[in-house]
Amino acid sequence: MYLIHITIHTDQLPAGQADALLAQHRAWFTSHFEAGDFLLLGPYLDQPAAGLIVAHAPDRAALDRMLAEDVYYPHRWADYTVREFKAAKVSPQLMAFQGL
């Protein structure tokens, strides 16, 4: 499992394209969420234009291929910090936090 911290460089985005790029970014993570690659995701509440994805991939190379599909990735309009993670315990109450 992987923890992916994404920070979008909004000051580097082409003028007038921020909304369209964000829509493409959302479509990218939604498709991977629906495919089961991304297990949990959402924005940080204490940092604008940034968020976290908890992902499952067979290996780092597969994860890197997924990240390369994001609209921000090829232009370096975002930073992607990836940490490999092993969940030692998972609360059955995790679903209670959805949307908070």
N, C-alpha and C. Protein backbone atom coordinates (compact mmCIF):
# COMPACT_ATOMS: atom_id res chain seq x y z
N MET A 1 0.85 -1.16 0.00
CA MET A 1 0.00 0.00 0.00
C MET A 1 0.90 1.23 0.00
N TYR A 2 0.37 2.31 -0.56
CA TYR A 2 1.14 3.54 -0.68
C TYR A 2 0.34 4.74 -0.20
N LEU A 3 1.02 5.67 0.43
CA LEU A 3 0.45 6.97 0.78
C LEU A 3 1.01 7.98 -0.21
N ILE A 4 0.14 8.70 -0.89
CA ILE A 4 0.56 9.66 -1.90
C ILE A 4 0.08 11.04 -1.47
N HIS A 5 1.01 11.92 -1.22
CA HIS A 5 0.71 13.31 -0.89
C HIS A 5 0.88 14.11 -2.18
N ILE A 6 -0.18 14.78 -2.59
CA ILE A 6 -0.13 15.58 -3.82
C ILE A 6 -0.33 17.05 -3.47
N THR A 7 0.56 17.88 -3.97
CA THR A 7 0.43 19.32 -3.82
C THR A 7 0.47 19.94 -5.21
N ILE A 8 -0.60 20.63 -5.57
CA ILE A 8 -0.71 21.25 -6.88
C ILE A 8 -0.11 22.65 -6.82
N HIS A 9 0.71 22.97 -7.80
CA HIS A 9 1.33 24.30 -7.89
C HIS A 9 0.39 25.21 -8.68
N THR A 10 -0.61 25.75 -8.00
CA THR A 10 -1.62 26.55 -8.68
C THR A 10 -1.04 27.79 -9.35
N ASP A 11 0.07 28.28 -8.82
CA ASP A 11 0.70 29.47 -9.41
C ASP A 11 1.39 29.17 -10.74
N GLN A 12 1.58 27.90 -11.06
CA GLN A 12 2.25 27.52 -12.31
C GLN A 12 1.29 27.09 -13.41
N LEU A 13 0.00 26.97 -13.08
CA LEU A 13 -0.97 26.50 -14.07
C LEU A 13 -1.21 27.56 -15.13
N PRO A 14 -1.46 27.13 -16.37
CA PRO A 14 -1.74 28.09 -17.43
C PRO A 14 -2.97 28.94 -17.07
N ALA A 15 -2.89 30.21 -17.39
CA ALA A 15 -3.97 31.15 -17.07
C ALA A 15 -5.30 30.67 -17.65
N GLY A 16 -6.31 30.69 -16.82
CA GLY A 16 -7.65 30.34 -17.26
C GLY A 16 -7.92 28.85 -17.38
N GLN A 17 -6.96 27.99 -17.05
CA GLN A 17 -7.15 26.55 -17.22
C GLN A 17 -7.26 25.78 -15.90
N ALA A 18 -7.19 26.47 -14.77
CA ALA A 18 -7.17 25.78 -13.48
C ALA A 18 -8.40 24.91 -13.28
N ASP A 19 -9.58 25.42 -13.59
CA ASP A 19 -10.81 24.64 -13.38
C ASP A 19 -10.87 23.41 -14.28
N ALA A 20 -10.49 23.56 -15.53
CA ALA A 20 -10.51 22.43 -16.47
C ALA A 20 -9.49 21.37 -16.05
N LEU A 21 -8.31 21.81 -15.61
CA LEU A 21 -7.29 20.86 -15.17
C LEU A 21 -7.74 20.13 -13.91
N LEU A 22 -8.37 20.83 -12.98
CA LEU A 22 -8.86 20.19 -11.77
C LEU A 22 -9.94 19.16 -12.11
N ALA A 23 -10.78 19.45 -13.06
CA ALA A 23 -11.81 18.49 -13.49
C ALA A 23 -11.15 17.23 -14.06
N GLN A 24 -10.09 17.39 -14.83
CA GLN A 24 -9.36 16.23 -15.37
C GLN A 24 -8.67 15.45 -14.26
N HIS A 25 -8.11 16.15 -13.29
CA HIS A 25 -7.47 15.51 -12.13
C HIS A 25 -8.50 14.69 -11.36
N ARG A 26 -9.68 15.26 -11.14
CA ARG A 26 -10.75 14.54 -10.44
C ARG A 26 -11.21 13.31 -11.22
N ALA A 27 -11.30 13.42 -12.53
CA ALA A 27 -11.67 12.27 -13.36
C ALA A 27 -10.62 11.17 -13.24
N TRP A 28 -9.34 11.56 -13.21
CA TRP A 28 -8.24 10.60 -13.07
C TRP A 28 -8.35 9.84 -11.76
N PHE A 29 -8.48 10.57 -10.62
CA PHE A 29 -8.52 9.84 -9.36
C PHE A 29 -9.82 9.08 -9.19
N THR A 30 -10.92 9.56 -9.77
CA THR A 30 -12.18 8.83 -9.69
C THR A 30 -12.09 7.51 -10.44
N SER A 31 -11.46 7.51 -11.60
CA SER A 31 -11.34 6.26 -12.37
C SER A 31 -10.50 5.24 -11.63
N HIS A 32 -9.44 5.70 -10.96
CA HIS A 32 -8.61 4.75 -10.20
C HIS A 32 -9.30 4.33 -8.90
N PHE A 33 -10.11 5.19 -8.32
CA PHE A 33 -10.89 4.82 -7.14
C PHE A 33 -11.90 3.74 -7.52
N GLU A 34 -12.62 3.96 -8.61
CA GLU A 34 -13.62 2.99 -9.05
C GLU A 34 -12.99 1.66 -9.47
N ALA A 35 -11.75 1.70 -9.95
CA ALA A 35 -11.04 0.47 -10.33
C ALA A 35 -10.47 -0.27 -9.12
N GLY A 36 -10.49 0.38 -7.95
CA GLY A 36 -9.96 -0.25 -6.75
C GLY A 36 -8.49 0.01 -6.50
N ASP A 37 -7.88 0.85 -7.33
CA ASP A 37 -6.46 1.19 -7.14
C ASP A 37 -6.28 2.16 -5.98
N PHE A 38 -7.20 3.12 -5.87
CA PHE A 38 -7.15 4.11 -4.80
C PHE A 38 -8.22 3.73 -3.78
N LEU A 39 -7.81 3.56 -2.54
CA LEU A 39 -8.69 3.05 -1.50
C LEU A 39 -9.34 4.15 -0.67
N LEU A 40 -8.67 5.26 -0.56
CA LEU A 40 -9.12 6.37 0.27
C LEU A 40 -8.46 7.62 -0.29
N LEU A 41 -9.20 8.70 -0.41
CA LEU A 41 -8.60 9.93 -0.92
C LEU A 41 -9.41 11.13 -0.48
N GLY A 42 -8.74 12.26 -0.47
CA GLY A 42 -9.43 13.50 -0.15
C GLY A 42 -8.46 14.64 0.02
N PRO A 43 -9.01 15.86 0.09
CA PRO A 43 -8.16 17.05 0.23
C PRO A 43 -7.74 17.27 1.67
N TYR A 44 -6.62 17.91 1.85
CA TYR A 44 -6.21 18.38 3.17
C TYR A 44 -7.07 19.60 3.51
N LEU A 45 -7.48 19.70 4.74
CA LEU A 45 -8.27 20.85 5.17
C LEU A 45 -7.39 22.00 5.64
N ASP A 46 -6.13 21.69 5.93
CA ASP A 46 -5.23 22.72 6.44
C ASP A 46 -4.18 23.17 5.41
N GLN A 47 -4.33 22.73 4.17
CA GLN A 47 -3.39 23.12 3.11
C GLN A 47 -4.15 23.19 1.80
N PRO A 48 -4.25 24.34 1.18
CA PRO A 48 -4.97 24.44 -0.08
C PRO A 48 -4.26 23.71 -1.21
N ALA A 49 -5.05 23.22 -2.16
CA ALA A 49 -4.54 22.56 -3.37
C ALA A 49 -3.65 21.38 -3.06
N ALA A 50 -4.01 20.62 -2.02
CA ALA A 50 -3.21 19.46 -1.64
C ALA A 50 -4.12 18.39 -1.04
N GLY A 51 -3.68 17.15 -1.13
CA GLY A 51 -4.47 16.07 -0.56
C GLY A 51 -3.69 14.78 -0.47
N LEU A 52 -4.39 13.75 -0.04
CA LEU A 52 -3.79 12.44 0.22
C LEU A 52 -4.57 11.36 -0.51
N ILE A 53 -3.84 10.41 -1.05
CA ILE A 53 -4.42 9.21 -1.64
C ILE A 53 -3.78 8.01 -0.97
N VAL A 54 -4.59 7.07 -0.54
CA VAL A 54 -4.10 5.77 -0.09
C VAL A 54 -4.35 4.83 -1.26
N ALA A 55 -3.27 4.26 -1.78
CA ALA A 55 -3.36 3.47 -3.01
C ALA A 55 -2.86 2.05 -2.80
N HIS A 56 -3.37 1.17 -3.64
CA HIS A 56 -2.89 -0.20 -3.70
C HIS A 56 -2.40 -0.46 -5.12
N ALA A 57 -1.20 -0.97 -5.23
CA ALA A 57 -0.63 -1.30 -6.54
C ALA A 57 0.27 -2.51 -6.35
N PRO A 58 0.43 -3.32 -7.39
CA PRO A 58 1.27 -4.51 -7.25
C PRO A 58 2.74 -4.19 -6.94
N ASP A 59 3.19 -3.02 -7.41
CA ASP A 59 4.57 -2.60 -7.14
C ASP A 59 4.69 -1.11 -7.45
N ARG A 60 5.84 -0.56 -7.13
CA ARG A 60 6.05 0.89 -7.31
C ARG A 60 6.00 1.28 -8.79
N ALA A 61 6.48 0.43 -9.66
CA ALA A 61 6.44 0.76 -11.09
C ALA A 61 5.00 0.91 -11.58
N ALA A 62 4.12 0.05 -11.12
CA ALA A 62 2.70 0.14 -11.50
C ALA A 62 2.10 1.43 -10.95
N LEU A 63 2.44 1.78 -9.71
CA LEU A 63 1.94 3.02 -9.14
C LEU A 63 2.46 4.22 -9.93
N ASP A 64 3.72 4.21 -10.29
CA ASP A 64 4.29 5.32 -11.06
C ASP A 64 3.57 5.48 -12.40
N ARG A 65 3.17 4.37 -13.02
CA ARG A 65 2.41 4.46 -14.27
C ARG A 65 1.06 5.12 -14.03
N MET A 66 0.41 4.81 -12.90
CA MET A 66 -0.87 5.45 -12.57
C MET A 66 -0.68 6.95 -12.38
N LEU A 67 0.35 7.33 -11.63
CA LEU A 67 0.59 8.75 -11.36
C LEU A 67 0.88 9.51 -12.65
N ALA A 68 1.58 8.88 -13.57
CA ALA A 68 1.94 9.53 -14.83
C ALA A 68 0.71 9.87 -15.67
N GLU A 69 -0.43 9.25 -15.37
CA GLU A 69 -1.66 9.54 -16.10
C GLU A 69 -2.34 10.84 -15.63
N ASP A 70 -1.96 11.34 -14.46
CA ASP A 70 -2.59 12.55 -13.94
C ASP A 70 -2.21 13.75 -14.81
N VAL A 71 -3.16 14.62 -15.05
CA VAL A 71 -2.96 15.77 -15.93
C VAL A 71 -1.83 16.68 -15.46
N TYR A 72 -1.60 16.76 -14.17
CA TYR A 72 -0.56 17.64 -13.64
C TYR A 72 0.84 17.03 -13.76
N TYR A 73 0.92 15.73 -13.83
CA TYR A 73 2.20 15.02 -13.73
C TYR A 73 3.22 15.38 -14.82
N PRO A 74 2.86 15.29 -16.10
CA PRO A 74 3.90 15.50 -17.13
C PRO A 74 4.48 16.91 -17.15
N HIS A 75 3.73 17.87 -16.63
CA HIS A 75 4.18 19.27 -16.65
C HIS A 75 4.80 19.70 -15.33
N ARG A 76 4.83 18.77 -14.38
CA ARG A 76 5.33 19.06 -13.02
C ARG A 76 4.56 20.20 -12.37
N TRP A 77 3.24 20.21 -12.61
CA TRP A 77 2.38 21.19 -11.99
C TRP A 77 1.95 20.75 -10.60
N ALA A 78 2.45 19.59 -10.16
CA ALA A 78 2.17 19.09 -8.82
C ALA A 78 3.36 18.29 -8.33
N ASP A 79 3.50 18.24 -7.02
CA ASP A 79 4.48 17.37 -6.39
C ASP A 79 3.76 16.13 -5.88
N TYR A 80 4.36 14.98 -6.08
CA TYR A 80 3.81 13.71 -5.62
C TYR A 80 4.84 13.08 -4.69
N THR A 81 4.53 13.04 -3.41
CA THR A 81 5.40 12.39 -2.45
C THR A 81 4.78 11.04 -2.13
N VAL A 82 5.52 9.98 -2.40
CA VAL A 82 4.99 8.62 -2.24
C VAL A 82 5.75 7.92 -1.12
N ARG A 83 5.00 7.32 -0.21
CA ARG A 83 5.58 6.53 0.88
C ARG A 83 4.93 5.16 0.86
N GLU A 84 5.74 4.12 0.92
CA GLU A 84 5.20 2.76 1.03
C GLU A 84 4.74 2.56 2.47
N PHE A 85 3.60 1.90 2.63
CA PHE A 85 2.95 1.81 3.93
C PHE A 85 2.34 0.43 4.12
N LYS A 86 2.44 -0.08 5.34
CA LYS A 86 1.80 -1.34 5.69
C LYS A 86 0.85 -1.07 6.86
N ALA A 87 -0.43 -1.30 6.67
CA ALA A 87 -1.41 -1.09 7.73
C ALA A 87 -1.33 -2.25 8.72
N ALA A 88 -0.92 -1.96 9.93
CA ALA A 88 -0.83 -2.99 10.96
C ALA A 88 -2.20 -3.27 11.57
N LYS A 89 -3.03 -2.25 11.65
CA LYS A 89 -4.38 -2.39 12.17
C LYS A 89 -5.30 -1.46 11.39
N VAL A 90 -6.52 -1.90 11.16
CA VAL A 90 -7.53 -1.08 10.48
C VAL A 90 -8.81 -1.15 11.29
N SER A 91 -9.30 -0.01 11.69
CA SER A 91 -10.51 0.05 12.49
C SER A 91 -11.74 -0.26 11.64
N PRO A 92 -12.65 -1.07 12.14
CA PRO A 92 -13.90 -1.29 11.41
C PRO A 92 -14.76 -0.03 11.36
N GLN A 93 -14.41 0.96 12.15
CA GLN A 93 -15.16 2.21 12.18
C GLN A 93 -14.67 3.22 11.15
N LEU A 94 -13.74 2.84 10.31
CA LEU A 94 -13.16 3.76 9.35
C LEU A 94 -14.23 4.44 8.48
N MET A 95 -15.27 3.73 8.10
CA MET A 95 -16.31 4.30 7.25
C MET A 95 -17.03 5.46 7.95
N ALA A 96 -17.04 5.51 9.26
CA ALA A 96 -17.71 6.59 9.98
C ALA A 96 -17.06 7.94 9.71
N PHE A 97 -15.84 7.95 9.21
CA PHE A 97 -15.11 9.20 8.98
C PHE A 97 -15.27 9.72 7.55
N GLN A 98 -15.96 8.99 6.69
CA GLN A 98 -16.16 9.43 5.32
C GLN A 98 -16.90 10.76 5.31
N GLY A 99 -16.38 11.71 4.58
CA GLY A 99 -17.01 13.01 4.44
C GLY A 99 -16.68 14.03 5.52
N LEU A 100 -15.94 13.63 6.55
CA LEU A 100 -15.58 14.57 7.61
C LEU A 100 -14.35 15.35 7.25
